[in-house]
Amino acid sequence: MSGFNEPSQLLMSVKKEIKEDEEFDDFLQEYLFANQTVEEKPGLEHDCKTETERSPTLACKEEKSSLMGIKEEDESDLREYGRDDSSPTRDVQRILSNRGSNSEEKINKERCHNHSQCRTTSYQKLLQHLDTRKKQHECSQYFKFFAGPSTLAIHQQIHTGERPHECSQCGKAFTEIGPLKIHQRIHTGEKPYLCSQCGKTFSQMCHLKTHQRIHTGEKPHQCSQCGKAFSQIGPLKAHQRIHSGEKSHQCSQCGKTFSLMGNLKAHQRIHTGEKPYQCSQCGKTFSQICSLKAHHRVHSGEKPHQCSQCGKAFTEIGNLKEHQRIHTGEKPYQCSQCGKSFTRISNLKTHQRIHSGEKPHQCSQCGKTFSQMCSLKRHQIIHTGEKPYPCSQCRKTFSQMCSLKTHQMIHSGEKPHQCSQCGKTFTQMCNLKRHQRIHHGE
């Protein structure tokens, strides 16, 4: 781009435009003031004259003098005919009145015509000046008009890709000085904008205004389809993708698409194995911040989500929703192959491995594979010999929780498994199945 290679040259050009704008503003103010004066004082409509013409005051005086002269001549004629000037007849009065009104009407018409021409000329001059300024500073690529050459030059940096303002600390470049100054607050830590209600500070005024909506409860951005309101435009746009079904962010590795960039980034950590969020108490790491927050409740014992029917509390809202399906009987996840339905998506995925034969969980010691992680963990106890589940009554230990529960029925006398043909009950399902073979003759 020519003409504005140096910042000093650009600054001088801006100053020159400001001077031009001030001169134009003076012209515009004079034009508007002249029109306003005429509208406020209709009796002075005839003041808009050229320098060579007579002033309105002089013209009015001369007109009055000519009318007085006409009146005096008529009165002298009356005296010659012996009539008293103090009581003129109706005919003479009508003559004088007609002469005066006709003369005044004629003069007013001439003055209105001259004033109309003057206003038209001023308005044409204004339009011509605006049109000239408009055409002088037009972007040839975008067909956008600018007030001066410097603002046009700044705009054209968008097309050229030029970024003359560079951060001295990180090297990031900007097209304008304003965004650079805002960026530099990242390095300096400056947060000059203070919330008067809670004292929180911000680096940008727009961030402060957005934050203040928390205190006021203002939600100016509303969804046109469902009416839901938001305090920021970003969440509204993300919400609108629910209605449109748009998923513009695609994973380059597996092809899965997402409506939000944040969800895509969180998903990509599955492929990279990255877990940037660490618990400060136990050191456990997580791929998502929400998972870390939910984990913190393990240490604090907080369970903010409570079931309204049975009172059971949960650390996460998702677990509460899954639990509530026990009361409602809802099973929204259905297997496409056998039609079996489940309350949880994880249970459906585990079930589908029966049809596919997939066993992704492998034992590192013997190589045996399993469809579920819990099955692998139960199996690994065989190698370690660990029996972490003790009976509270006889102190006998078991490698699996299900084995402990079956054992505890011996102490309680509970036999939940009943034969449908003879009514005999058993503590274990395997014993019931063995018994049913008697009836089947196997």
Protein backbone atom coordinates (compact mmCIF):
# COMPACT_ATOMS: atom_id res chain seq x y z
CA MET A 1 0.00 0.00 0.00
CA SER A 2 1.43 3.35 -1.03
CA GLY A 3 1.42 6.56 0.91
CA PHE A 4 1.23 5.20 4.47
CA ASN A 5 4.34 3.11 5.01
CA GLU A 6 5.44 5.02 8.12
CA PRO A 7 3.28 5.49 11.23
CA SER A 8 4.23 9.20 11.34
CA GLN A 9 2.89 9.71 7.82
CA LEU A 10 -0.33 7.99 8.78
CA LEU A 11 -0.66 10.22 11.85
CA MET A 12 -0.14 13.41 9.77
CA SER A 13 -2.79 12.20 7.33
CA VAL A 14 -5.23 11.61 10.18
CA LYS A 15 -4.61 15.14 11.50
CA LYS A 16 -5.19 16.59 8.03
CA GLU A 17 -8.49 14.72 7.74
CA ILE A 18 -9.56 15.94 11.15
CA LYS A 19 -8.91 19.55 9.98
CA GLU A 20 -10.89 18.90 6.79
CA ASP A 21 -13.70 17.39 8.82
CA GLU A 22 -13.73 20.44 11.13
CA GLU A 23 -14.00 22.80 8.13
CA PHE A 24 -16.81 20.69 6.71
CA ASP A 25 -18.58 20.63 10.08
CA ASP A 26 -18.40 24.46 10.19
CA PHE A 27 -19.98 24.62 6.75
CA LEU A 28 -22.69 22.16 7.75
CA GLN A 29 -23.45 24.03 10.99
CA GLU A 30 -23.83 27.33 9.08
CA TYR A 31 -26.19 25.66 6.64
CA LEU A 32 -28.34 24.09 9.34
CA PHE A 33 -28.35 27.33 11.38
CA ALA A 34 -29.52 29.35 8.40
CA ASN A 35 -32.44 26.97 7.79
CA GLN A 36 -33.35 26.90 11.49
CA THR A 37 -33.35 30.71 11.70
CA VAL A 38 -35.69 30.96 8.74
CA GLU A 39 -38.07 28.38 10.19
CA GLU A 40 -38.15 30.09 13.58
CA LYS A 41 -38.64 33.61 12.10
CA PRO A 42 -40.85 33.41 9.02
CA GLY A 43 -41.06 37.20 8.88
CA LEU A 44 -37.35 37.37 8.04
CA GLU A 45 -37.49 34.97 5.11
CA HIS A 46 -36.13 37.63 2.80
CA ASP A 47 -32.73 38.00 4.51
CA CYS A 48 -31.08 35.48 2.18
CA LYS A 49 -29.70 37.86 -0.44
CA THR A 50 -26.49 38.30 -2.36
CA GLU A 51 -23.99 41.03 -1.43
CA THR A 52 -24.91 43.15 -4.47
CA GLU A 53 -28.60 43.25 -3.54
CA ARG A 54 -30.12 45.72 -1.15
CA SER A 55 -30.63 44.74 2.47
CA PRO A 56 -34.17 43.71 3.58
CA THR A 57 -34.39 46.64 6.02
CA LEU A 58 -33.62 49.20 3.32
CA ALA A 59 -36.02 47.52 0.95
CA CYS A 60 -38.77 47.62 3.56
CA LYS A 61 -38.13 51.29 4.33
CA GLU A 62 -38.21 52.24 0.63
CA GLU A 63 -41.43 50.29 0.18
CA LYS A 64 -43.04 52.07 3.14
CA SER A 65 -41.87 55.44 1.72
CA SER A 66 -43.43 54.69 -1.66
CA LEU A 67 -46.73 53.73 -0.01
CA MET A 68 -46.72 56.89 2.06
CA GLY A 69 -46.04 58.93 -1.06
CA ILE A 70 -49.03 57.38 -2.81
CA LYS A 71 -51.20 58.14 0.20
CA GLU A 72 -50.04 61.78 0.36
CA GLU A 73 -50.73 62.33 -3.37
CA ASP A 74 -54.25 60.97 -3.00
CA GLU A 75 -54.89 63.11 0.04
CA SER A 76 -53.71 66.28 -1.79
CA ASP A 77 -56.11 65.45 -4.62
CA LEU A 78 -58.92 65.29 -2.09
CA ARG A 79 -58.01 68.69 -0.68
CA GLU A 80 -58.11 70.22 -4.17
CA TYR A 81 -61.69 69.00 -4.50
CA GLY A 82 -62.59 70.52 -1.12
CA ARG A 83 -62.88 67.24 0.88
CA ASP A 84 -61.72 66.90 4.47
CA ASP A 85 -58.64 64.64 4.85
CA SER A 86 -59.73 63.54 8.34
CA SER A 87 -62.86 61.76 6.97
CA PRO A 88 -62.15 60.17 3.57
CA THR A 89 -64.91 58.53 1.65
CA ARG A 90 -65.29 54.74 1.30
CA ASP A 91 -64.21 54.80 -2.34
CA VAL A 92 -60.94 56.56 -1.61
CA GLN A 93 -60.23 54.20 1.31
CA ARG A 94 -60.85 51.14 -0.94
CA ILE A 95 -58.43 52.55 -3.56
CA LEU A 96 -55.67 53.13 -0.97
CA SER A 97 -56.19 49.65 0.57
CA ASN A 98 -56.02 47.85 -2.78
CA ARG A 99 -52.89 49.74 -3.83
CA GLY A 100 -51.07 48.88 -0.56
CA SER A 101 -52.01 45.18 -0.47
CA ASN A 102 -51.14 44.60 -4.11
CA SER A 103 -47.71 46.20 -3.70
CA GLU A 104 -46.90 44.22 -0.54
CA GLU A 105 -48.03 40.92 -2.14
CA LYS A 106 -45.85 41.51 -5.17
CA ILE A 107 -42.74 42.27 -3.05
CA ASN A 108 -43.31 39.21 -0.80
CA LYS A 109 -43.55 36.92 -3.84
CA GLU A 110 -40.26 38.23 -5.22
CA ARG A 111 -38.51 37.78 -1.88
CA CYS A 112 -39.86 34.22 -1.37
CA HIS A 113 -38.66 33.28 -4.85
CA ASN A 114 -35.15 34.61 -4.13
CA HIS A 115 -35.03 32.82 -0.77
CA SER A 116 -36.14 29.52 -2.35
CA GLN A 117 -33.35 29.78 -4.91
CA CYS A 118 -30.84 30.50 -2.13
CA ARG A 119 -31.90 27.44 -0.07
CA THR A 120 -31.82 25.18 -3.14
CA THR A 121 -28.28 26.34 -3.99
CA SER A 122 -27.05 25.70 -0.42
CA TYR A 123 -28.61 22.22 -0.35
CA GLN A 124 -27.10 21.34 -3.73
CA LYS A 125 -23.72 22.56 -2.49
CA LEU A 126 -24.02 20.31 0.59
CA LEU A 127 -24.91 17.22 -1.47
CA GLN A 128 -22.11 17.95 -3.94
CA HIS A 129 -19.59 18.22 -1.07
CA LEU A 130 -20.74 14.95 0.50
CA ASP A 131 -20.69 13.12 -2.83
CA THR A 132 -17.18 14.38 -3.61
CA ARG A 133 -15.84 13.25 -0.20
CA LYS A 134 -17.57 9.90 -0.61
CA LYS A 135 -16.04 9.15 -3.99
CA GLN A 136 -12.55 10.21 -2.94
CA HIS A 137 -12.20 7.48 -0.22
CA GLU A 138 -13.81 4.32 -1.57
CA CYS A 139 -12.42 0.79 -1.17
CA SER A 140 -12.14 -0.74 -4.65
CA GLN A 141 -12.46 -4.31 -3.35
CA TYR A 142 -15.20 -3.97 -0.73
CA PHE A 143 -17.02 -0.90 -2.22
CA LYS A 144 -17.09 0.69 1.23
CA PHE A 145 -16.74 4.47 1.78
CA PHE A 146 -14.51 6.13 4.37
CA ALA A 147 -14.16 9.62 5.80
CA GLY A 148 -10.53 10.05 4.81
CA PRO A 149 -7.46 8.41 3.25
CA SER A 150 -6.02 7.20 6.59
CA THR A 151 -9.16 5.31 7.61
CA LEU A 152 -9.27 3.85 4.09
CA ALA A 153 -5.61 2.83 4.44
CA ILE A 154 -6.31 1.07 7.76
CA HIS A 155 -9.25 -0.78 6.20
CA GLN A 156 -7.20 -1.91 3.19
CA GLN A 157 -4.84 -3.75 5.54
CA ILE A 158 -7.60 -6.35 5.81
CA HIS A 159 -7.18 -7.14 2.10
CA THR A 160 -3.38 -6.92 2.02
CA GLY A 161 -2.91 -8.87 5.27
CA GLU A 162 -0.57 -6.16 6.54
CA ARG A 163 -0.19 -5.99 10.33
CA PRO A 164 2.22 -3.17 11.16
CA HIS A 165 1.63 -3.14 14.93
CA GLU A 166 3.62 -5.92 16.60
CA CYS A 167 3.79 -6.97 20.26
CA SER A 168 7.37 -6.58 21.53
CA GLN A 169 7.00 -9.52 23.96
CA CYS A 170 5.35 -12.34 21.99
CA GLY A 171 5.56 -11.04 18.39
CA LYS A 172 1.83 -11.18 17.70
CA ALA A 173 0.86 -8.57 15.09
CA PHE A 174 -2.26 -6.43 14.64
CA THR A 175 -3.70 -4.18 11.92
CA GLU A 176 -4.50 -1.37 14.41
CA ILE A 177 -2.85 0.04 17.52
CA GLY A 178 -5.99 -0.33 19.67
CA PRO A 179 -6.14 -4.15 19.65
CA LEU A 180 -2.38 -4.24 20.32
CA LYS A 181 -2.80 -2.17 23.50
CA ILE A 182 -5.57 -4.48 24.69
CA HIS A 183 -3.40 -7.52 23.92
CA GLN A 184 -0.46 -6.13 25.90
CA ARG A 185 -2.56 -6.27 29.07
CA ILE A 186 -2.16 -10.06 28.93
CA HIS A 187 1.59 -9.59 29.54
CA THR A 188 1.31 -6.73 32.03
CA GLY A 189 -1.66 -8.23 33.90
CA GLU A 190 -3.36 -4.83 33.84
CA LYS A 191 -7.11 -4.92 34.55
CA PRO A 192 -8.26 -1.29 34.65
CA TYR A 193 -12.03 -1.93 34.58
CA LEU A 194 -13.52 -2.55 38.05
CA CYS A 195 -16.97 -3.91 38.90
CA SER A 196 -18.52 -1.54 41.44
CA GLN A 197 -20.62 -4.30 43.02
CA CYS A 198 -18.23 -7.22 43.60
CA GLY A 199 -14.83 -5.62 42.99
CA LYS A 200 -13.79 -8.00 40.19
CA THR A 201 -11.49 -6.43 37.58
CA PHE A 202 -11.26 -6.90 33.81
CA SER A 203 -8.81 -6.06 31.05
CA GLN A 204 -11.53 -4.94 28.62
CA MET A 205 -14.62 -2.77 29.04
CA CYS A 206 -16.77 -5.24 27.06
CA HIS A 207 -15.89 -8.00 29.54
CA LEU A 208 -16.94 -5.78 32.44
CA LYS A 209 -20.28 -4.99 30.79
CA THR A 210 -20.91 -8.68 30.18
CA HIS A 211 -20.01 -9.47 33.80
CA GLN A 212 -22.37 -6.81 35.17
CA ARG A 213 -25.32 -8.72 33.68
CA ILE A 214 -24.74 -11.34 36.40
CA HIS A 215 -25.71 -8.69 38.98
CA THR A 216 -28.54 -7.13 36.96
CA GLY A 217 -29.89 -10.42 35.60
CA GLU A 218 -30.10 -8.85 32.16
CA LYS A 219 -30.32 -11.28 29.23
CA PRO A 220 -30.63 -9.16 26.08
CA HIS A 221 -29.94 -11.92 23.53
CA GLN A 222 -33.06 -14.01 22.88
CA CYS A 223 -33.57 -17.06 20.68
CA SER A 224 -36.16 -16.28 18.00
CA GLN A 225 -37.38 -19.90 17.89
CA CYS A 226 -37.83 -20.97 21.52
CA GLY A 227 -37.55 -17.65 23.38
CA LYS A 228 -34.66 -18.69 25.63
CA ALA A 229 -32.57 -15.67 26.64
CA PHE A 230 -28.81 -15.30 27.16
CA SER A 231 -26.52 -12.65 28.65
CA GLN A 232 -23.97 -13.07 25.83
CA ILE A 233 -24.24 -13.46 22.06
CA GLY A 234 -21.81 -16.42 21.98
CA PRO A 235 -23.99 -18.81 24.02
CA LEU A 236 -27.01 -17.74 21.93
CA LYS A 237 -25.25 -18.71 18.68
CA ALA A 238 -24.21 -22.03 20.23
CA HIS A 239 -27.80 -22.62 21.35
CA GLN A 240 -29.22 -21.85 17.90
CA ARG A 241 -27.25 -24.78 16.50
CA ILE A 242 -29.58 -27.07 18.45
CA HIS A 243 -32.45 -25.87 16.23
CA SER A 244 -30.44 -25.85 13.00
CA GLY A 245 -28.59 -29.12 13.73
CA GLU A 246 -25.39 -27.50 12.50
CA LYS A 247 -22.15 -29.24 13.52
CA SER A 248 -19.40 -27.29 11.80
CA HIS A 249 -16.45 -28.52 13.92
CA GLN A 250 -15.10 -31.90 12.75
CA CYS A 251 -12.45 -34.14 14.31
CA SER A 252 -9.64 -34.71 11.80
CA GLN A 253 -8.88 -38.19 13.21
CA CYS A 254 -12.25 -39.94 13.55
CA GLY A 255 -14.55 -37.57 11.60
CA LYS A 256 -16.95 -36.96 14.49
CA THR A 257 -18.62 -33.54 14.32
CA PHE A 258 -19.54 -31.07 17.05
CA SER A 259 -21.59 -27.89 17.30
CA LEU A 260 -19.03 -26.17 19.57
CA MET A 261 -15.27 -25.79 19.24
CA GLY A 262 -14.88 -26.42 22.98
CA ASN A 263 -16.54 -29.82 22.64
CA LEU A 264 -14.25 -30.71 19.74
CA LYS A 265 -11.14 -29.79 21.75
CA ALA A 266 -12.36 -31.88 24.69
CA HIS A 267 -13.02 -34.80 22.32
CA GLN A 268 -9.55 -34.58 20.74
CA ARG A 269 -8.00 -35.31 24.13
CA ILE A 270 -9.35 -38.85 23.75
CA HIS A 271 -6.95 -39.31 20.81
CA THR A 272 -4.02 -37.44 22.37
CA GLY A 273 -4.51 -38.82 25.89
CA GLU A 274 -4.02 -35.32 27.28
CA LYS A 275 -5.37 -34.70 30.78
CA PRO A 276 -4.53 -31.09 31.68
CA TYR A 277 -6.80 -30.75 34.73
CA GLN A 278 -5.26 -32.11 37.94
CA CYS A 279 -6.74 -32.55 41.40
CA SER A 280 -4.73 -30.59 43.98
CA GLN A 281 -5.53 -33.12 46.74
CA CYS A 282 -4.88 -36.54 45.21
CA GLY A 283 -3.09 -35.65 41.95
CA LYS A 284 -5.60 -37.42 39.71
CA THR A 285 -5.85 -35.85 36.24
CA PHE A 286 -8.82 -35.31 33.94
CA SER A 287 -9.38 -34.36 30.30
CA GLN A 288 -12.25 -31.97 31.11
CA ILE A 289 -12.72 -29.29 33.76
CA CYS A 290 -16.25 -30.47 34.54
CA SER A 291 -14.87 -33.94 35.41
CA LEU A 292 -12.37 -32.35 37.80
CA LYS A 293 -15.12 -30.33 39.50
CA ALA A 294 -17.23 -33.45 39.92
CA HIS A 295 -14.19 -35.30 41.32
CA HIS A 296 -13.60 -32.55 43.92
CA ARG A 297 -16.92 -33.56 45.50
CA VAL A 298 -15.43 -36.96 46.34
CA HIS A 299 -13.05 -35.20 48.74
CA SER A 300 -15.59 -32.68 50.03
CA GLY A 301 -18.44 -35.21 50.28
CA GLU A 302 -20.74 -32.70 48.63
CA LYS A 303 -23.80 -34.16 46.88
CA PRO A 304 -25.82 -31.17 45.66
CA HIS A 305 -28.20 -33.07 43.36
CA GLN A 306 -31.03 -34.77 45.29
CA CYS A 307 -33.85 -37.00 44.07
CA SER A 308 -37.23 -35.44 44.87
CA GLN A 309 -38.93 -38.88 45.23
CA CYS A 310 -36.59 -40.92 47.43
CA GLY A 311 -34.16 -38.29 48.71
CA LYS A 312 -31.01 -39.98 47.41
CA ALA A 313 -28.27 -37.45 46.61
CA PHE A 314 -25.64 -37.43 43.85
CA THR A 315 -22.46 -35.54 43.07
CA GLU A 316 -23.41 -35.02 39.39
CA ILE A 317 -26.67 -34.03 37.71
CA GLY A 318 -26.22 -36.77 35.10
CA ASN A 319 -26.23 -39.46 37.75
CA LEU A 320 -29.39 -38.00 39.27
CA LYS A 321 -31.17 -38.07 35.88
CA GLU A 322 -30.15 -41.71 35.37
CA HIS A 323 -31.39 -42.57 38.86
CA GLN A 324 -34.77 -40.90 38.28
CA ARG A 325 -35.43 -43.37 35.46
CA ILE A 326 -35.78 -46.05 38.13
CA HIS A 327 -38.90 -44.23 39.37
CA THR A 328 -40.26 -43.37 35.92
CA GLY A 329 -39.33 -46.70 34.30
CA GLU A 330 -37.93 -44.82 31.31
CA LYS A 331 -35.41 -46.68 29.14
CA PRO A 332 -34.55 -44.32 26.28
CA TYR A 333 -31.55 -46.23 24.86
CA GLN A 334 -32.61 -49.13 22.61
CA CYS A 335 -30.48 -51.73 20.85
CA SER A 336 -31.04 -51.56 17.09
CA GLN A 337 -30.40 -55.31 16.66
CA CYS A 338 -32.47 -57.03 19.37
CA GLY A 339 -34.68 -54.17 20.59
CA LYS A 340 -33.59 -54.39 24.22
CA SER A 341 -33.69 -51.01 25.97
CA PHE A 342 -31.57 -49.51 28.74
CA THR A 343 -31.65 -46.61 31.17
CA ARG A 344 -28.02 -45.64 30.46
CA ILE A 345 -26.09 -45.20 27.23
CA SER A 346 -23.08 -46.93 28.76
CA ASN A 347 -25.17 -50.05 29.40
CA LEU A 348 -26.35 -50.03 25.77
CA LYS A 349 -22.76 -49.78 24.49
CA THR A 350 -21.70 -52.67 26.71
CA HIS A 351 -24.66 -54.74 25.51
CA GLN A 352 -23.87 -54.07 21.83
CA ARG A 353 -20.53 -55.84 22.30
CA ILE A 354 -22.49 -59.09 22.66
CA HIS A 355 -23.62 -58.69 19.02
CA SER A 356 -20.31 -57.41 17.71
CA GLY A 357 -18.13 -59.75 19.79
CA GLU A 358 -15.87 -56.84 20.70
CA LYS A 359 -13.74 -57.32 23.83
CA PRO A 360 -11.58 -54.21 24.17
CA HIS A 361 -10.35 -54.81 27.72
CA GLN A 362 -7.36 -57.20 27.87
CA CYS A 363 -5.54 -58.69 30.86
CA SER A 364 -1.85 -57.68 30.81
CA GLN A 365 -0.75 -60.96 32.49
CA CYS A 366 -2.61 -63.73 30.66
CA GLY A 367 -3.97 -61.88 27.60
CA LYS A 368 -7.61 -62.76 28.25
CA THR A 369 -10.05 -60.17 26.90
CA PHE A 370 -13.34 -58.88 28.25
CA SER A 371 -16.22 -56.76 26.99
CA GLN A 372 -16.41 -54.75 30.24
CA MET A 373 -13.80 -53.07 32.41
CA CYS A 374 -15.41 -54.39 35.58
CA SER A 375 -15.06 -57.95 34.26
CA LEU A 376 -11.36 -57.38 33.65
CA LYS A 377 -10.87 -56.00 37.18
CA ARG A 378 -12.62 -59.04 38.68
CA HIS A 379 -10.40 -61.32 36.61
CA GLN A 380 -7.16 -59.58 37.64
CA ILE A 381 -7.85 -60.46 41.30
CA ILE A 382 -7.13 -64.09 40.32
CA HIS A 383 -3.54 -63.13 39.53
CA THR A 384 -3.05 -60.92 42.58
CA GLY A 385 -4.94 -63.17 45.01
CA GLU A 386 -6.56 -60.10 46.49
CA LYS A 387 -9.87 -60.51 48.33
CA PRO A 388 -10.97 -57.00 49.21
CA TYR A 389 -14.59 -57.79 50.21
CA PRO A 390 -14.87 -59.15 53.81
CA CYS A 391 -18.07 -60.45 55.48
CA SER A 392 -18.98 -58.29 58.49
CA GLN A 393 -20.36 -61.29 60.42
CA CYS A 394 -17.84 -64.11 59.93
CA ARG A 395 -14.88 -62.13 58.51
CA LYS A 396 -14.65 -64.37 55.44
CA THR A 397 -13.20 -62.48 52.44
CA PHE A 398 -14.14 -62.59 48.78
CA SER A 399 -12.58 -61.43 45.54
CA GLN A 400 -15.88 -60.15 44.12
CA MET A 401 -18.72 -58.11 45.58
CA CYS A 402 -21.36 -60.39 44.10
CA SER A 403 -19.76 -63.36 45.90
CA LEU A 404 -19.94 -61.49 49.22
CA LYS A 405 -23.62 -60.62 48.68
CA THR A 406 -24.43 -64.27 47.93
CA HIS A 407 -22.55 -65.37 51.06
CA GLN A 408 -24.42 -62.85 53.26
CA MET A 409 -27.71 -64.59 52.39
CA ILE A 410 -26.53 -67.55 54.44
CA HIS A 411 -26.55 -65.35 57.55
CA SER A 412 -29.80 -63.56 56.68
CA GLY A 413 -31.62 -66.70 55.40
CA GLU A 414 -32.74 -64.77 52.32
CA LYS A 415 -33.63 -66.87 49.25
CA PRO A 416 -34.68 -64.46 46.48
CA HIS A 417 -34.66 -66.94 43.58
CA GLN A 418 -37.92 -68.97 43.39
CA CYS A 419 -38.94 -71.82 41.09
CA SER A 420 -42.04 -70.88 39.08
CA GLN A 421 -43.29 -74.52 38.97
CA CYS A 422 -42.92 -75.82 42.54
CA GLY A 423 -42.22 -72.60 44.50
CA LYS A 424 -38.91 -73.74 46.02
CA THR A 425 -36.50 -70.87 46.75
CA PHE A 426 -32.73 -70.57 46.49
CA THR A 427 -30.00 -68.13 47.56
CA GLN A 428 -28.22 -68.26 44.19
CA MET A 429 -29.45 -68.15 40.61
CA CYS A 430 -27.16 -71.00 39.58
CA ASN A 431 -28.82 -73.29 42.16
CA LEU A 432 -32.28 -72.37 40.83
CA LYS A 433 -31.22 -73.21 37.25
CA ARG A 434 -29.80 -76.52 38.40
CA HIS A 435 -33.11 -77.29 40.16
CA GLN A 436 -35.24 -76.41 37.10
CA ARG A 437 -33.57 -79.21 35.15
CA ILE A 438 -35.49 -81.65 37.33
CA HIS A 439 -38.79 -80.38 35.98
CA HIS A 440 -37.50 -80.27 32.39
CA GLY A 441 -36.19 -83.83 32.64
CA GLU A 442 -32.71 -82.86 31.56
